Amino acid sequence: MKQSAGLLLYRMRNDIEFFLVHPGGPFFSNKNEGWWTIPKGEIIPGENPLHTAIREFKEETGFSISGPFIELQTITQKGGKNVLCWACAGDVDENKIISNTFEIELPYRSGKLVTFPEVDKAGWFKANDAVRLINEKQNAFIYELKKLLDIH
């Protein structure tokens, strides 16, 4: 079974806000609600999952996060992938993300490779907006963190 690990960055302004990213590439270009996610990626065999989460955050945003970290309950997404998540207080500028890239063949079977950022945008969202935008199974991370922090 595939496993990913990621970080749910949060900050306190007048209310709690959550940092989410939007996947890049042509498949996601016109998708919004339900498609945002925590920065995350596949766990390399033998890699510590928290190290995966920290590495993936850096690769997808360009920012290094150092903790302390709050381990959240693992969720299983619709496709069967388990996602491990740690929450961390922090503040980054969503307008200054630098994401790694990937290549795909476009048009399909054309032999032409096109490069896209893995993450095309990021943002800070209050809980209600974050819950509306994030992958529905990842909502559990937001709810659990609010409960742990005693935020209603």
N, C-alpha and C. Protein backbone atom coordinates (compact mmCIF):
# COMPACT_ATOMS: atom_id res chain seq x y z
N MET A 1 0.84 -1.18 0.00
CA MET A 1 0.00 0.00 0.00
C MET A 1 0.89 1.25 0.00
N LYS A 2 0.53 2.19 -0.85
CA LYS A 2 1.30 3.43 -0.92
C LYS A 2 1.04 4.29 0.31
N GLN A 3 2.11 4.96 0.75
CA GLN A 3 2.01 5.87 1.88
C GLN A 3 2.68 7.18 1.53
N SER A 4 2.05 8.27 1.94
CA SER A 4 2.62 9.60 1.81
C SER A 4 2.72 10.20 3.19
N ALA A 5 3.58 11.21 3.32
CA ALA A 5 3.72 11.94 4.57
C ALA A 5 3.77 13.42 4.25
N GLY A 6 3.14 14.22 5.12
CA GLY A 6 3.11 15.66 4.88
C GLY A 6 2.97 16.46 6.15
N LEU A 7 3.02 17.78 5.95
CA LEU A 7 2.92 18.72 7.07
C LEU A 7 1.71 19.62 6.89
N LEU A 8 0.99 19.82 7.99
CA LEU A 8 -0.09 20.80 8.04
C LEU A 8 0.45 21.99 8.83
N LEU A 9 0.86 23.03 8.11
CA LEU A 9 1.37 24.24 8.75
C LEU A 9 0.19 25.10 9.16
N TYR A 10 0.26 25.67 10.35
CA TYR A 10 -0.82 26.55 10.81
C TYR A 10 -0.22 27.77 11.49
N ARG A 11 -1.02 28.83 11.53
CA ARG A 11 -0.62 30.05 12.22
C ARG A 11 -1.86 30.66 12.87
N MET A 12 -1.59 31.46 13.88
CA MET A 12 -2.68 32.16 14.57
C MET A 12 -2.65 33.63 14.17
N ARG A 13 -3.71 34.09 13.57
CA ARG A 13 -3.91 35.52 13.32
C ARG A 13 -5.07 35.88 14.22
N ASN A 14 -6.12 36.48 13.70
CA ASN A 14 -7.32 36.66 14.54
C ASN A 14 -7.97 35.31 14.81
N ASP A 15 -7.71 34.37 13.93
CA ASP A 15 -8.25 33.02 14.03
C ASP A 15 -7.14 32.09 13.50
N ILE A 16 -7.33 30.80 13.65
CA ILE A 16 -6.33 29.86 13.12
C ILE A 16 -6.43 29.84 11.60
N GLU A 17 -5.29 29.76 10.94
CA GLU A 17 -5.22 29.66 9.49
C GLU A 17 -4.35 28.46 9.13
N PHE A 18 -4.67 27.83 8.00
CA PHE A 18 -3.97 26.63 7.54
C PHE A 18 -3.34 26.89 6.18
N PHE A 19 -2.12 26.38 5.99
CA PHE A 19 -1.38 26.54 4.75
C PHE A 19 -1.63 25.33 3.87
N LEU A 20 -2.20 25.56 2.70
CA LEU A 20 -2.50 24.49 1.75
C LEU A 20 -1.87 24.80 0.40
N VAL A 21 -1.64 23.75 -0.38
CA VAL A 21 -1.08 23.91 -1.72
C VAL A 21 -2.02 23.30 -2.76
N HIS A 22 -1.90 23.81 -3.98
CA HIS A 22 -2.70 23.33 -5.10
C HIS A 22 -1.78 22.61 -6.08
N PRO A 23 -2.13 21.38 -6.49
CA PRO A 23 -1.25 20.64 -7.39
C PRO A 23 -1.15 21.30 -8.76
N GLY A 24 0.05 21.27 -9.32
CA GLY A 24 0.27 21.83 -10.64
C GLY A 24 0.01 20.81 -11.73
N GLY A 25 0.11 21.26 -12.97
CA GLY A 25 -0.07 20.38 -14.12
C GLY A 25 -1.42 20.57 -14.76
N PRO A 26 -1.57 20.06 -15.96
CA PRO A 26 -2.79 20.30 -16.73
C PRO A 26 -4.04 19.65 -16.15
N PHE A 27 -3.91 18.52 -15.46
CA PHE A 27 -5.08 17.84 -14.92
C PHE A 27 -5.78 18.67 -13.85
N PHE A 28 -5.03 19.47 -13.10
CA PHE A 28 -5.59 20.22 -11.97
C PHE A 28 -5.85 21.69 -12.28
N SER A 29 -5.53 22.14 -13.48
CA SER A 29 -5.58 23.58 -13.77
C SER A 29 -6.96 24.21 -13.55
N ASN A 30 -8.03 23.49 -13.79
CA ASN A 30 -9.37 24.05 -13.61
C ASN A 30 -10.11 23.45 -12.42
N LYS A 31 -9.36 22.79 -11.53
CA LYS A 31 -9.97 22.17 -10.35
C LYS A 31 -9.61 22.98 -9.12
N ASN A 32 -10.57 23.21 -8.25
CA ASN A 32 -10.30 24.04 -7.08
C ASN A 32 -10.82 23.36 -5.80
N GLU A 33 -12.10 23.46 -5.53
CA GLU A 33 -12.64 22.90 -4.29
C GLU A 33 -12.44 21.39 -4.25
N GLY A 34 -11.86 20.91 -3.15
CA GLY A 34 -11.61 19.49 -2.97
C GLY A 34 -10.29 19.02 -3.55
N TRP A 35 -9.51 19.91 -4.15
CA TRP A 35 -8.26 19.52 -4.80
C TRP A 35 -7.02 20.05 -4.10
N TRP A 36 -7.17 21.00 -3.19
CA TRP A 36 -6.02 21.50 -2.44
C TRP A 36 -5.58 20.41 -1.46
N THR A 37 -4.37 20.53 -0.94
CA THR A 37 -3.82 19.47 -0.11
C THR A 37 -2.76 20.03 0.84
N ILE A 38 -2.39 19.22 1.81
CA ILE A 38 -1.19 19.55 2.59
C ILE A 38 0.01 19.25 1.68
N PRO A 39 1.13 19.94 1.83
CA PRO A 39 2.33 19.53 1.10
C PRO A 39 2.74 18.14 1.59
N LYS A 40 2.84 17.20 0.66
CA LYS A 40 3.11 15.81 1.04
C LYS A 40 3.73 15.08 -0.13
N GLY A 41 4.28 13.90 0.17
CA GLY A 41 4.82 13.08 -0.89
C GLY A 41 5.05 11.66 -0.42
N GLU A 42 5.38 10.81 -1.38
CA GLU A 42 5.54 9.40 -1.12
C GLU A 42 6.75 9.12 -0.23
N ILE A 43 6.56 8.22 0.71
CA ILE A 43 7.63 7.82 1.62
C ILE A 43 8.57 6.86 0.89
N ILE A 44 9.85 7.20 0.88
CA ILE A 44 10.87 6.35 0.28
C ILE A 44 11.09 5.17 1.24
N PRO A 45 11.14 3.92 0.73
CA PRO A 45 11.36 2.78 1.62
C PRO A 45 12.57 2.99 2.54
N GLY A 46 12.35 2.78 3.83
CA GLY A 46 13.40 2.95 4.82
C GLY A 46 13.52 4.37 5.36
N GLU A 47 12.80 5.32 4.76
CA GLU A 47 12.88 6.71 5.22
C GLU A 47 11.93 6.93 6.39
N ASN A 48 12.38 7.68 7.38
CA ASN A 48 11.53 8.07 8.50
C ASN A 48 10.39 8.94 7.94
N PRO A 49 9.12 8.60 8.22
CA PRO A 49 8.00 9.35 7.66
C PRO A 49 8.01 10.86 7.99
N LEU A 50 8.44 11.22 9.21
CA LEU A 50 8.51 12.65 9.53
C LEU A 50 9.56 13.33 8.65
N HIS A 51 10.68 12.65 8.39
CA HIS A 51 11.70 13.21 7.50
C HIS A 51 11.15 13.37 6.09
N THR A 52 10.31 12.42 5.66
CA THR A 52 9.64 12.53 4.36
C THR A 52 8.79 13.79 4.33
N ALA A 53 8.00 14.00 5.38
CA ALA A 53 7.10 15.16 5.43
C ALA A 53 7.89 16.47 5.35
N ILE A 54 8.98 16.56 6.08
CA ILE A 54 9.82 17.77 6.08
C ILE A 54 10.46 17.97 4.71
N ARG A 55 10.98 16.88 4.12
CA ARG A 55 11.60 16.95 2.79
C ARG A 55 10.59 17.38 1.74
N GLU A 56 9.43 16.78 1.76
CA GLU A 56 8.40 17.10 0.77
C GLU A 56 7.92 18.55 0.90
N PHE A 57 7.79 19.03 2.13
CA PHE A 57 7.39 20.43 2.32
C PHE A 57 8.41 21.34 1.63
N LYS A 58 9.68 21.06 1.83
CA LYS A 58 10.76 21.86 1.23
C LYS A 58 10.71 21.75 -0.30
N GLU A 59 10.55 20.53 -0.82
CA GLU A 59 10.53 20.34 -2.27
C GLU A 59 9.34 21.03 -2.93
N GLU A 60 8.19 21.04 -2.27
CA GLU A 60 6.99 21.59 -2.88
C GLU A 60 6.79 23.08 -2.64
N THR A 61 7.48 23.64 -1.64
CA THR A 61 7.28 25.05 -1.33
C THR A 61 8.56 25.88 -1.34
N GLY A 62 9.70 25.22 -1.16
CA GLY A 62 10.97 25.93 -1.05
C GLY A 62 11.29 26.36 0.37
N PHE A 63 10.40 26.09 1.32
CA PHE A 63 10.60 26.50 2.72
C PHE A 63 10.99 25.32 3.60
N SER A 64 11.93 25.57 4.52
CA SER A 64 12.33 24.56 5.51
C SER A 64 11.55 24.78 6.80
N ILE A 65 11.01 23.72 7.33
CA ILE A 65 10.24 23.77 8.58
C ILE A 65 10.95 22.88 9.59
N SER A 66 11.08 23.39 10.84
CA SER A 66 11.88 22.65 11.82
C SER A 66 11.12 22.18 13.06
N GLY A 67 9.85 22.48 13.17
CA GLY A 67 9.08 21.97 14.31
C GLY A 67 9.04 22.94 15.47
N PRO A 68 8.53 22.53 16.61
CA PRO A 68 8.12 21.17 16.98
C PRO A 68 6.89 20.69 16.19
N PHE A 69 6.76 19.38 16.10
CA PHE A 69 5.72 18.75 15.31
C PHE A 69 4.71 18.02 16.19
N ILE A 70 3.46 18.06 15.76
CA ILE A 70 2.37 17.36 16.44
C ILE A 70 1.90 16.25 15.50
N GLU A 71 2.08 14.99 15.90
CA GLU A 71 1.66 13.89 15.05
C GLU A 71 0.14 13.77 15.07
N LEU A 72 -0.45 13.69 13.87
CA LEU A 72 -1.90 13.54 13.73
C LEU A 72 -2.22 12.12 13.28
N GLN A 73 -3.49 11.76 13.37
CA GLN A 73 -3.93 10.43 12.98
C GLN A 73 -3.80 10.22 11.48
N THR A 74 -3.34 9.05 11.07
CA THR A 74 -3.23 8.70 9.66
C THR A 74 -4.61 8.61 9.04
N ILE A 75 -4.73 9.09 7.80
CA ILE A 75 -6.00 8.96 7.07
C ILE A 75 -5.76 8.09 5.84
N THR A 76 -6.83 7.57 5.27
CA THR A 76 -6.76 6.83 4.01
C THR A 76 -7.61 7.58 3.00
N GLN A 77 -6.97 7.98 1.89
CA GLN A 77 -7.69 8.70 0.85
C GLN A 77 -8.51 7.72 0.01
N LYS A 78 -9.39 8.26 -0.82
CA LYS A 78 -10.29 7.44 -1.62
C LYS A 78 -9.57 6.38 -2.45
N GLY A 79 -8.41 6.72 -2.99
CA GLY A 79 -7.66 5.78 -3.82
C GLY A 79 -6.94 4.70 -3.04
N GLY A 80 -7.03 4.77 -1.69
CA GLY A 80 -6.42 3.76 -0.84
C GLY A 80 -5.08 4.15 -0.26
N LYS A 81 -4.54 5.31 -0.64
CA LYS A 81 -3.25 5.75 -0.12
C LYS A 81 -3.39 6.24 1.31
N ASN A 82 -2.49 5.76 2.18
CA ASN A 82 -2.44 6.26 3.56
C ASN A 82 -1.62 7.55 3.58
N VAL A 83 -2.09 8.54 4.33
CA VAL A 83 -1.36 9.80 4.46
C VAL A 83 -1.08 10.03 5.94
N LEU A 84 0.21 10.11 6.26
CA LEU A 84 0.65 10.43 7.62
C LEU A 84 0.89 11.93 7.66
N CYS A 85 0.53 12.57 8.77
CA CYS A 85 0.62 14.02 8.82
C CYS A 85 1.08 14.50 10.18
N TRP A 86 1.89 15.54 10.17
CA TRP A 86 2.31 16.24 11.38
C TRP A 86 1.92 17.70 11.21
N ALA A 87 1.43 18.29 12.28
CA ALA A 87 1.11 19.72 12.28
C ALA A 87 2.27 20.48 12.88
N CYS A 88 2.41 21.72 12.45
CA CYS A 88 3.50 22.55 12.94
C CYS A 88 3.08 24.01 12.83
N ALA A 89 3.32 24.78 13.88
CA ALA A 89 3.08 26.22 13.82
C ALA A 89 4.19 26.87 13.02
N GLY A 90 3.84 27.82 12.19
CA GLY A 90 4.85 28.52 11.40
C GLY A 90 4.19 29.56 10.52
N ASP A 91 5.01 30.26 9.78
CA ASP A 91 4.49 31.30 8.89
C ASP A 91 5.42 31.41 7.70
N VAL A 92 4.89 31.21 6.52
CA VAL A 92 5.65 31.35 5.28
C VAL A 92 4.84 32.24 4.34
N ASP A 93 5.52 32.84 3.37
CA ASP A 93 4.87 33.71 2.40
C ASP A 93 4.38 32.86 1.23
N GLU A 94 3.08 32.70 1.15
CA GLU A 94 2.49 31.86 0.10
C GLU A 94 2.79 32.35 -1.31
N ASN A 95 3.17 33.61 -1.45
CA ASN A 95 3.48 34.17 -2.76
C ASN A 95 4.92 33.91 -3.18
N LYS A 96 5.71 33.30 -2.30
CA LYS A 96 7.13 33.07 -2.60
C LYS A 96 7.49 31.58 -2.64
N ILE A 97 6.50 30.73 -2.92
CA ILE A 97 6.81 29.30 -2.99
C ILE A 97 7.66 29.02 -4.23
N ILE A 98 8.53 28.05 -4.10
CA ILE A 98 9.34 27.55 -5.21
C ILE A 98 9.18 26.04 -5.18
N SER A 99 8.50 25.51 -6.19
CA SER A 99 8.19 24.08 -6.22
C SER A 99 9.13 23.34 -7.17
N ASN A 100 9.36 22.06 -6.82
CA ASN A 100 10.04 21.21 -7.77
C ASN A 100 9.12 21.00 -8.98
N THR A 101 9.63 20.39 -10.04
CA THR A 101 8.85 20.24 -11.27
C THR A 101 8.77 18.77 -11.68
N PHE A 102 7.89 18.51 -12.63
CA PHE A 102 7.78 17.18 -13.23
C PHE A 102 7.51 17.36 -14.72
N GLU A 103 7.79 16.32 -15.49
CA GLU A 103 7.55 16.35 -16.92
C GLU A 103 6.50 15.32 -17.29
N ILE A 104 5.65 15.70 -18.24
CA ILE A 104 4.71 14.74 -18.83
C ILE A 104 4.67 14.95 -20.34
N GLU A 105 4.25 13.93 -21.02
CA GLU A 105 4.14 13.99 -22.46
C GLU A 105 2.82 14.65 -22.85
N LEU A 106 2.90 15.78 -23.57
CA LEU A 106 1.72 16.50 -24.03
C LEU A 106 1.94 17.01 -25.43
N PRO A 107 0.98 16.86 -26.31
CA PRO A 107 -0.16 15.97 -26.16
C PRO A 107 0.29 14.52 -26.02
N TYR A 108 -0.60 13.72 -25.46
CA TYR A 108 -0.31 12.30 -25.23
C TYR A 108 0.17 11.65 -26.52
N ARG A 109 1.23 10.85 -26.42
CA ARG A 109 1.85 10.12 -27.53
C ARG A 109 2.48 11.04 -28.59
N SER A 110 2.75 12.28 -28.23
CA SER A 110 3.37 13.22 -29.17
C SER A 110 4.89 13.15 -29.13
N GLY A 111 5.43 12.58 -28.03
CA GLY A 111 6.88 12.55 -27.87
C GLY A 111 7.43 13.86 -27.32
N LYS A 112 6.55 14.83 -27.08
CA LYS A 112 6.97 16.15 -26.58
C LYS A 112 6.75 16.21 -25.07
N LEU A 113 7.84 16.49 -24.32
CA LEU A 113 7.74 16.59 -22.87
C LEU A 113 7.52 18.05 -22.46
N VAL A 114 6.59 18.25 -21.55
CA VAL A 114 6.27 19.57 -21.02
C VAL A 114 6.52 19.55 -19.52
N THR A 115 7.13 20.61 -19.00
CA THR A 115 7.47 20.70 -17.58
C THR A 115 6.44 21.54 -16.84
N PHE A 116 6.03 21.05 -15.66
CA PHE A 116 5.08 21.76 -14.80
C PHE A 116 5.59 21.76 -13.37
N PRO A 117 5.23 22.79 -12.58
CA PRO A 117 5.56 22.75 -11.15
C PRO A 117 4.66 21.72 -10.46
N GLU A 118 5.21 21.02 -9.46
CA GLU A 118 4.39 20.06 -8.71
C GLU A 118 3.29 20.78 -7.95
N VAL A 119 3.59 21.99 -7.49
CA VAL A 119 2.61 22.85 -6.80
C VAL A 119 2.56 24.16 -7.57
N ASP A 120 1.36 24.58 -7.99
CA ASP A 120 1.29 25.82 -8.77
C ASP A 120 0.87 27.04 -7.95
N LYS A 121 0.31 26.81 -6.76
CA LYS A 121 -0.02 27.94 -5.89
C LYS A 121 -0.23 27.43 -4.47
N ALA A 122 -0.18 28.36 -3.54
CA ALA A 122 -0.37 28.05 -2.13
C ALA A 122 -1.17 29.17 -1.50
N GLY A 123 -1.72 28.89 -0.32
CA GLY A 123 -2.48 29.94 0.36
C GLY A 123 -2.72 29.61 1.82
N TRP A 124 -3.04 30.66 2.55
CA TRP A 124 -3.44 30.54 3.96
C TRP A 124 -4.96 30.67 3.99
N PHE A 125 -5.61 29.75 4.71
CA PHE A 125 -7.07 29.72 4.73
C PHE A 125 -7.60 29.53 6.15
N LYS A 126 -8.66 30.26 6.48
CA LYS A 126 -9.37 30.02 7.73
C LYS A 126 -10.00 28.64 7.65
N ALA A 127 -10.35 28.07 8.80
CA ALA A 127 -10.81 26.67 8.86
C ALA A 127 -11.94 26.37 7.89
N ASN A 128 -12.98 27.20 7.84
CA ASN A 128 -14.12 26.91 6.96
C ASN A 128 -13.71 26.84 5.50
N ASP A 129 -12.85 27.76 5.07
CA ASP A 129 -12.38 27.75 3.68
C ASP A 129 -11.45 26.57 3.43
N ALA A 130 -10.57 26.27 4.39
CA ALA A 130 -9.65 25.15 4.24
C ALA A 130 -10.42 23.84 4.08
N VAL A 131 -11.46 23.65 4.88
CA VAL A 131 -12.26 22.43 4.82
C VAL A 131 -12.96 22.31 3.46
N ARG A 132 -13.37 23.42 2.90
CA ARG A 132 -14.04 23.43 1.60
C ARG A 132 -13.06 23.12 0.46
N LEU A 133 -11.82 23.58 0.59
CA LEU A 133 -10.84 23.46 -0.50
C LEU A 133 -10.03 22.16 -0.47
N ILE A 134 -9.73 21.66 0.73
CA ILE A 134 -8.81 20.52 0.87
C ILE A 134 -9.48 19.21 0.43
N ASN A 135 -8.64 18.26 0.02
CA ASN A 135 -9.11 16.91 -0.27
C ASN A 135 -9.98 16.45 0.90
N GLU A 136 -11.17 15.94 0.61
CA GLU A 136 -12.16 15.70 1.66
C GLU A 136 -11.66 14.79 2.78
N LYS A 137 -10.82 13.80 2.48
CA LYS A 137 -10.32 12.92 3.53
C LYS A 137 -9.32 13.64 4.44
N GLN A 138 -8.62 14.65 3.90
CA GLN A 138 -7.65 15.40 4.69
C GLN A 138 -8.31 16.39 5.65
N ASN A 139 -9.62 16.58 5.52
CA ASN A 139 -10.36 17.41 6.49
C ASN A 139 -10.10 16.94 7.92
N ALA A 140 -9.90 15.64 8.08
CA ALA A 140 -9.69 15.07 9.41
C ALA A 140 -8.49 15.71 10.10
N PHE A 141 -7.46 16.08 9.33
CA PHE A 141 -6.28 16.72 9.92
C PHE A 141 -6.65 18.07 10.54
N ILE A 142 -7.45 18.84 9.83
CA ILE A 142 -7.86 20.16 10.32
C ILE A 142 -8.72 20.02 11.58
N TYR A 143 -9.70 19.13 11.52
CA TYR A 143 -10.57 18.93 12.69
C TYR A 143 -9.78 18.44 13.90
N GLU A 144 -8.88 17.49 13.69
CA GLU A 144 -8.10 16.95 14.80
C GLU A 144 -7.20 18.02 15.41
N LEU A 145 -6.54 18.80 14.59
CA LEU A 145 -5.66 19.85 15.12
C LEU A 145 -6.45 20.89 15.88
N LYS A 146 -7.58 21.30 15.37
CA LYS A 146 -8.42 22.28 16.10
C LYS A 146 -8.81 21.73 17.47
N LYS A 147 -9.14 20.45 17.52
CA LYS A 147 -9.51 19.83 18.79
C LYS A 147 -8.32 19.78 19.75
N LEU A 148 -7.14 19.39 19.23
CA LEU A 148 -5.95 19.32 20.06
C LEU A 148 -5.55 20.69 20.61
N LEU A 149 -5.76 21.72 19.81
CA LEU A 149 -5.42 23.08 20.23
C LEU A 149 -6.56 23.76 20.99
N ASP A 150 -7.67 23.04 21.13
CA ASP A 150 -8.87 23.54 21.82
C ASP A 150 -9.39 24.82 21.17
N ILE A 151 -9.52 24.76 19.83
CA ILE A 151 -10.06 25.88 19.06
C ILE A 151 -11.42 25.46 18.54
N HIS A 152 -12.43 26.27 18.81
CA HIS A 152 -13.81 25.91 18.42
C HIS A 152 -14.23 26.66 17.18
